[in-house]
Structures are given as structure tokens and as C-alpha cells.
């Protein structure tokens, strides 16, 4: 399950990066992908921080 989530996040991040490097080639749904990617990254970082107890150190 973790591997599948990481693969999805890598693909979404690659789409976002491609849109930044080549804006003319960005698909029409690029704004939605950007928002989803930012949200998932935030959730993933919060989960990792909580799991590693970085807030309590």
C-alpha cells in the first residue's frame, strides 16, 4: 500500500515538474493536479513527522 501511494505521488510530482519546466505543454487539468499534489505532499509530510516524533524532539 505504501509503495502504491509513493508511486502515485512520484507520478503527480513529475506532472507538476513537467508543467513548471514546459508550461505550454501542460494539460488543461494541470491546476487540479497541482492542488492534489500539494495536498498529498502536506499529508504525507505530516504523517512522516508524526511517525518519527520530530515535533517532540
PDB file of N, CA and C in Angstrom:
ATOM      1  N   UNK A   1       0.823  -1.193   0.000  1.00  0.00           N
ATOM      2  CA  UNK A   1       0.000   0.000   0.000  1.00  0.00           C
ATOM      3  C   UNK A   1       0.868   1.258   0.000  1.00  0.00           C
ATOM      4  N   UNK A   2       1.906   1.278   0.861  1.00  0.00           N
ATOM      5  CA  UNK A   2       2.797   2.429   0.921  1.00  0.00           C
ATOM      6  C   UNK A   2       3.504   2.639  -0.408  1.00  0.00           C
ATOM      7  N   UNK A   3       3.888   1.523  -1.042  1.00  0.00           N
ATOM      8  CA  UNK A   3       4.583   1.619  -2.316  1.00  0.00           C
ATOM      9  C   UNK A   3       3.677   2.224  -3.384  1.00  0.00           C
ATOM     10  N   UNK A   4       2.416   1.854  -3.395  1.00  0.00           N
ATOM     11  CA  UNK A   4       1.468   2.390  -4.373  1.00  0.00           C
ATOM     12  C   UNK A   4       1.262   3.887  -4.165  1.00  0.00           C
ATOM     13  N   UNK A   5       1.159   4.303  -2.914  1.00  0.00           N
ATOM     14  CA  UNK A   5       0.989   5.729  -2.618  1.00  0.00           C
ATOM     15  C   UNK A   5       2.216   6.512  -3.063  1.00  0.00           C
ATOM     16  N   UNK A   6       3.402   5.976  -2.807  1.00  0.00           N
ATOM     17  CA  UNK A   6       4.627   6.650  -3.229  1.00  0.00           C
ATOM     18  C   UNK A   6       4.722   6.746  -4.746  1.00  0.00           C
ATOM     19  N   UNK A   7       4.302   5.705  -5.449  1.00  0.00           N
ATOM     20  CA  UNK A   7       4.324   5.739  -6.910  1.00  0.00           C
ATOM     21  C   UNK A   7       3.369   6.798  -7.434  1.00  0.00           C
ATOM     22  N   UNK A   8       2.167   6.871  -6.866  1.00  0.00           N
ATOM     23  CA  UNK A   8       1.200   7.892  -7.280  1.00  0.00           C
ATOM     24  C   UNK A   8       1.763   9.285  -7.020  1.00  0.00           C
ATOM     25  N   UNK A   9       2.367   9.479  -5.871  1.00  0.00           N
ATOM     26  CA  UNK A   9       2.926  10.791  -5.547  1.00  0.00           C
ATOM     27  C   UNK A   9       4.093  11.138  -6.464  1.00  0.00           C
ATOM     28  N   UNK A  10       4.913  10.168  -6.822  1.00  0.00           N
ATOM     29  CA  UNK A  10       6.011  10.420  -7.760  1.00  0.00           C
ATOM     30  C   UNK A  10       5.481  10.832  -9.132  1.00  0.00           C
ATOM     31  N   UNK A  11       4.451  10.158  -9.598  1.00  0.00           N
ATOM     32  CA  UNK A  11       3.860  10.499 -10.895  1.00  0.00           C
ATOM     33  C   UNK A  11       3.262  11.898 -10.856  1.00  0.00           C
ATOM     34  N   UNK A  12       2.513  12.208  -9.805  1.00  0.00           N
ATOM     35  CA  UNK A  12       1.925  13.538  -9.689  1.00  0.00           C
ATOM     36  C   UNK A  12       3.000  14.616  -9.607  1.00  0.00           C
ATOM     37  N   UNK A  13       4.051  14.363  -8.842  1.00  0.00           N
ATOM     38  CA  UNK A  13       5.143  15.332  -8.753  1.00  0.00           C
ATOM     39  C   UNK A  13       5.845  15.500 -10.098  1.00  0.00           C
ATOM     40  N   UNK A  14       5.977  14.422 -10.859  1.00  0.00           N
ATOM     41  CA  UNK A  14       6.592  14.513 -12.187  1.00  0.00           C
ATOM     42  C   UNK A  14       5.729  15.362 -13.121  1.00  0.00           C
ATOM     43  N   UNK A  15       4.406  15.208 -13.046  1.00  0.00           N
ATOM     44  CA  UNK A  15       3.500  16.019 -13.866  1.00  0.00           C
ATOM     45  C   UNK A  15       3.618  17.491 -13.491  1.00  0.00           C
ATOM     46  N   UNK A  16       3.668  17.770 -12.200  1.00  0.00           N
ATOM     47  CA  UNK A  16       3.807  19.157 -11.740  1.00  0.00           C
ATOM     48  C   UNK A  16       5.142  19.736 -12.208  1.00  0.00           C
ATOM     49  N   UNK A  17       6.218  18.981 -12.076  1.00  0.00           N
ATOM     50  CA  UNK A  17       7.529  19.444 -12.513  1.00  0.00           C
ATOM     51  C   UNK A  17       7.546  19.695 -14.019  1.00  0.00           C
ATOM     52  N   UNK A  18       6.966  18.803 -14.781  1.00  0.00           N
ATOM     53  CA  UNK A  18       6.904  18.976 -16.230  1.00  0.00           C
ATOM     54  C   UNK A  18       6.130  20.237 -16.590  1.00  0.00           C
ATOM     55  N   UNK A  19       5.058  20.502 -15.875  1.00  0.00           N
ATOM     56  CA  UNK A  19       4.284  21.716 -16.105  1.00  0.00           C
ATOM     57  C   UNK A  19       5.066  22.972 -15.782  1.00  0.00           C
ATOM     58  N   UNK A  20       5.977  22.900 -14.819  1.00  0.00           N
ATOM     59  CA  UNK A  20       6.810  24.046 -14.484  1.00  0.00           C
ATOM     60  C   UNK A  20       7.927  24.251 -15.511  1.00  0.00           C
ATOM     61  N   UNK A  21       8.465  23.144 -16.009  1.00  0.00           N
ATOM     62  CA  UNK A  21       9.554  23.236 -16.976  1.00  0.00           C
ATOM     63  C   UNK A  21       9.062  23.570 -18.380  1.00  0.00           C
ATOM     64  N   UNK A  22       7.870  23.110 -18.730  1.00  0.00           N
ATOM     65  CA  UNK A  22       7.313  23.287 -20.075  1.00  0.00           C
ATOM     66  C   UNK A  22       5.854  23.683 -19.953  1.00  0.00           C
ATOM     67  N   UNK A  23       5.585  24.942 -19.576  1.00  0.00           N
ATOM     68  CA  UNK A  23       4.213  25.384 -19.303  1.00  0.00           C
ATOM     69  C   UNK A  23       3.274  25.282 -20.506  1.00  0.00           C
ATOM     70  N   UNK A  24       3.807  25.438 -21.718  1.00  0.00           N
ATOM     71  CA  UNK A  24       2.950  25.365 -22.903  1.00  0.00           C
ATOM     72  C   UNK A  24       2.396  23.954 -23.114  1.00  0.00           C
ATOM     73  N   UNK A  25       3.120  22.960 -22.624  1.00  0.00           N
ATOM     74  CA  UNK A  25       2.695  21.573 -22.806  1.00  0.00           C
ATOM     75  C   UNK A  25       1.871  21.029 -21.652  1.00  0.00           C
ATOM     76  N   UNK A  26       1.562  21.878 -20.693  1.00  0.00           N
ATOM     77  CA  UNK A  26       0.799  21.417 -19.530  1.00  0.00           C
ATOM     78  C   UNK A  26      -0.632  21.080 -19.945  1.00  0.00           C
ATOM     79  N   UNK A  27      -1.170  19.992 -19.423  1.00  0.00           N
ATOM     80  CA  UNK A  27      -2.547  19.627 -19.759  1.00  0.00           C
ATOM     81  C   UNK A  27      -3.533  20.605 -19.120  1.00  0.00           C
ATOM     82  N   UNK A  28      -4.773  20.619 -19.615  1.00  0.00           N
ATOM     83  CA  UNK A  28      -5.753  21.554 -19.068  1.00  0.00           C
ATOM     84  C   UNK A  28      -6.097  21.300 -17.606  1.00  0.00           C
ATOM     85  N   UNK A  29      -5.859  20.118 -17.118  1.00  0.00           N
ATOM     86  CA  UNK A  29      -6.162  19.782 -15.728  1.00  0.00           C
ATOM     87  C   UNK A  29      -4.958  19.984 -14.814  1.00  0.00           C
ATOM     88  N   UNK A  30      -3.950  20.720 -15.271  1.00  0.00           N
ATOM     89  CA  UNK A  30      -2.714  20.896 -14.506  1.00  0.00           C
ATOM     90  C   UNK A  30      -2.960  21.590 -13.169  1.00  0.00           C
ATOM     91  N   UNK A  31      -3.871  22.549 -13.132  1.00  0.00           N
ATOM     92  CA  UNK A  31      -4.153  23.238 -11.867  1.00  0.00           C
ATOM     93  C   UNK A  31      -4.697  22.304 -10.813  1.00  0.00           C
ATOM     94  N   UNK A  32      -5.577  21.401 -11.223  1.00  0.00           N
ATOM     95  CA  UNK A  32      -6.142  20.413 -10.293  1.00  0.00           C
ATOM     96  C   UNK A  32      -5.043  19.471  -9.791  1.00  0.00           C
ATOM     97  N   UNK A  33      -4.185  19.018 -10.716  1.00  0.00           N
ATOM     98  CA  UNK A  33      -3.088  18.120 -10.336  1.00  0.00           C
ATOM     99  C   UNK A  33      -2.157  18.823  -9.351  1.00  0.00           C
ATOM    100  N   UNK A  34      -1.885  20.107  -9.577  1.00  0.00           N
ATOM    101  CA  UNK A  34      -1.025  20.858  -8.654  1.00  0.00           C
ATOM    102  C   UNK A  34      -1.633  20.894  -7.257  1.00  0.00           C
ATOM    103  N   UNK A  35      -2.912  21.181  -7.158  1.00  0.00           N
ATOM    104  CA  UNK A  35      -3.570  21.248  -5.852  1.00  0.00           C
ATOM    105  C   UNK A  35      -3.591  19.888  -5.158  1.00  0.00           C
ATOM    106  N   UNK A  36      -3.891  18.846  -5.900  1.00  0.00           N
ATOM    107  CA  UNK A  36      -3.914  17.498  -5.328  1.00  0.00           C
ATOM    108  C   UNK A  36      -2.518  17.114  -4.831  1.00  0.00           C
ATOM    109  N   UNK A  37      -1.501  17.417  -5.649  1.00  0.00           N
ATOM    110  CA  UNK A  37      -0.133  17.083  -5.274  1.00  0.00           C
ATOM    111  C   UNK A  37       0.300  17.832  -4.019  1.00  0.00           C
ATOM    112  N   UNK A  38       0.006  19.118  -3.968  1.00  0.00           N
ATOM    113  CA  UNK A  38       0.361  19.883  -2.773  1.00  0.00           C
ATOM    114  C   UNK A  38      -0.336  19.331  -1.536  1.00  0.00           C
ATOM    115  N   UNK A  39      -1.607  18.995  -1.659  1.00  0.00           N
ATOM    116  CA  UNK A  39      -2.350  18.434  -0.530  1.00  0.00           C
ATOM    117  C   UNK A  39      -1.781  17.096  -0.076  1.00  0.00           C
ATOM    118  N   UNK A  40      -1.501  16.216  -1.039  1.00  0.00           N
ATOM    119  CA  UNK A  40      -0.942  14.908  -0.685  1.00  0.00           C
ATOM    120  C   UNK A  40       0.448  15.025  -0.075  1.00  0.00           C
ATOM    121  N   UNK A  41       1.254  15.941  -0.600  1.00  0.00           N
ATOM    122  CA  UNK A  41       2.584  16.151  -0.016  1.00  0.00           C
ATOM    123  C   UNK A  41       2.473  16.626   1.426  1.00  0.00           C
ATOM    124  N   UNK A  42       1.574  17.551   1.685  1.00  0.00           N
ATOM    125  CA  UNK A  42       1.376  18.048   3.045  1.00  0.00           C
ATOM    126  C   UNK A  42       0.946  16.922   3.978  1.00  0.00           C
ATOM    127  N   UNK A  43      -0.010  16.124   3.546  1.00  0.00           N
ATOM    128  CA  UNK A  43      -0.488  15.000   4.364  1.00  0.00           C
ATOM    129  C   UNK A  43       0.639  14.007   4.612  1.00  0.00           C
ATOM    130  N   UNK A  44       1.410  13.702   3.560  1.00  0.00           N
ATOM    131  CA  UNK A  44       2.498  12.735   3.701  1.00  0.00           C
ATOM    132  C   UNK A  44       3.566  13.243   4.667  1.00  0.00           C
ATOM    133  N   UNK A  45       3.924  14.522   4.562  1.00  0.00           N
ATOM    134  CA  UNK A  45       4.912  15.079   5.486  1.00  0.00           C
ATOM    135  C   UNK A  45       4.403  15.065   6.918  1.00  0.00           C
ATOM    136  N   UNK A  46       3.152  15.399   7.126  1.00  0.00           N
ATOM    137  CA  UNK A  46       2.601  15.383   8.478  1.00  0.00           C
ATOM    138  C   UNK A  46       2.598  13.974   9.059  1.00  0.00           C
ATOM    139  N   UNK A  47       2.261  13.000   8.237  1.00  0.00           N
ATOM    140  CA  UNK A  47       2.273  11.603   8.699  1.00  0.00           C
ATOM    141  C   UNK A  47       3.697  11.185   9.058  1.00  0.00           C
ATOM    142  N   UNK A  48       4.662  11.533   8.204  1.00  0.00           N
ATOM    143  CA  UNK A  48       6.052  11.165   8.482  1.00  0.00           C
ATOM    144  C   UNK A  48       6.580  11.865   9.723  1.00  0.00           C
ATOM    145  N   UNK A  49       6.272  13.159   9.876  1.00  0.00           N
ATOM    146  CA  UNK A  49       6.719  13.877  11.071  1.00  0.00           C
ATOM    147  C   UNK A  49       6.112  13.283  12.326  1.00  0.00           C
ATOM    148  N   UNK A  50       4.851  12.946  12.253  1.00  0.00           N
ATOM    149  CA  UNK A  50       4.185  12.382  13.427  1.00  0.00           C
ATOM    150  C   UNK A  50       4.751  10.999  13.762  1.00  0.00           C
ATOM    151  N   UNK A  51       4.983  10.213  12.723  1.00  0.00           N
ATOM    152  CA  UNK A  51       5.502   8.864  12.920  1.00  0.00           C
ATOM    153  C   UNK A  51       6.922   8.890  13.498  1.00  0.00           C
ATOM    154  N   UNK A  52       7.727   9.836  13.070  1.00  0.00           N
ATOM    155  CA  UNK A  52       9.112   9.937  13.539  1.00  0.00           C
ATOM    156  C   UNK A  52       9.229  10.753  14.823  1.00  0.00           C
ATOM    157  N   UNK A  53       8.111  11.311  15.323  1.00  0.00           N
ATOM    158  CA  UNK A  53       8.103  12.128  16.528  1.00  0.00           C
ATOM    159  C   UNK A  53       9.059  13.310  16.438  1.00  0.00           C
ATOM    160  N   UNK A  54       9.118  13.942  15.296  1.00  0.00           N
ATOM    161  CA  UNK A  54      10.015  15.079  15.115  1.00  0.00           C
ATOM    162  C   UNK A  54       9.526  16.299  15.857  1.00  0.00           C
ATOM    163  N   UNK A  55       8.237  16.363  16.156  1.00  0.00           N
ATOM    164  CA  UNK A  55       7.699  17.513  16.854  1.00  0.00           C
ATOM    165  C   UNK A  55       8.043  17.501  18.346  1.00  0.00           C
ATOM    166  N   UNK A  56       8.390  16.340  18.873  1.00  0.00           N
ATOM    167  CA  UNK A  56       8.643  16.242  20.309  1.00  0.00           C
ATOM    168  C   UNK A  56      10.124  16.323  20.642  1.00  0.00           C
ATOM    169  N   UNK A  57      10.979  16.365  19.653  1.00  0.00           N
ATOM    170  CA  UNK A  57      12.424  16.404  19.912  1.00  0.00           C
ATOM    171  C   UNK A  57      12.903  17.790  20.142  1.00  0.00           C
TER     172      UNK A  57
END
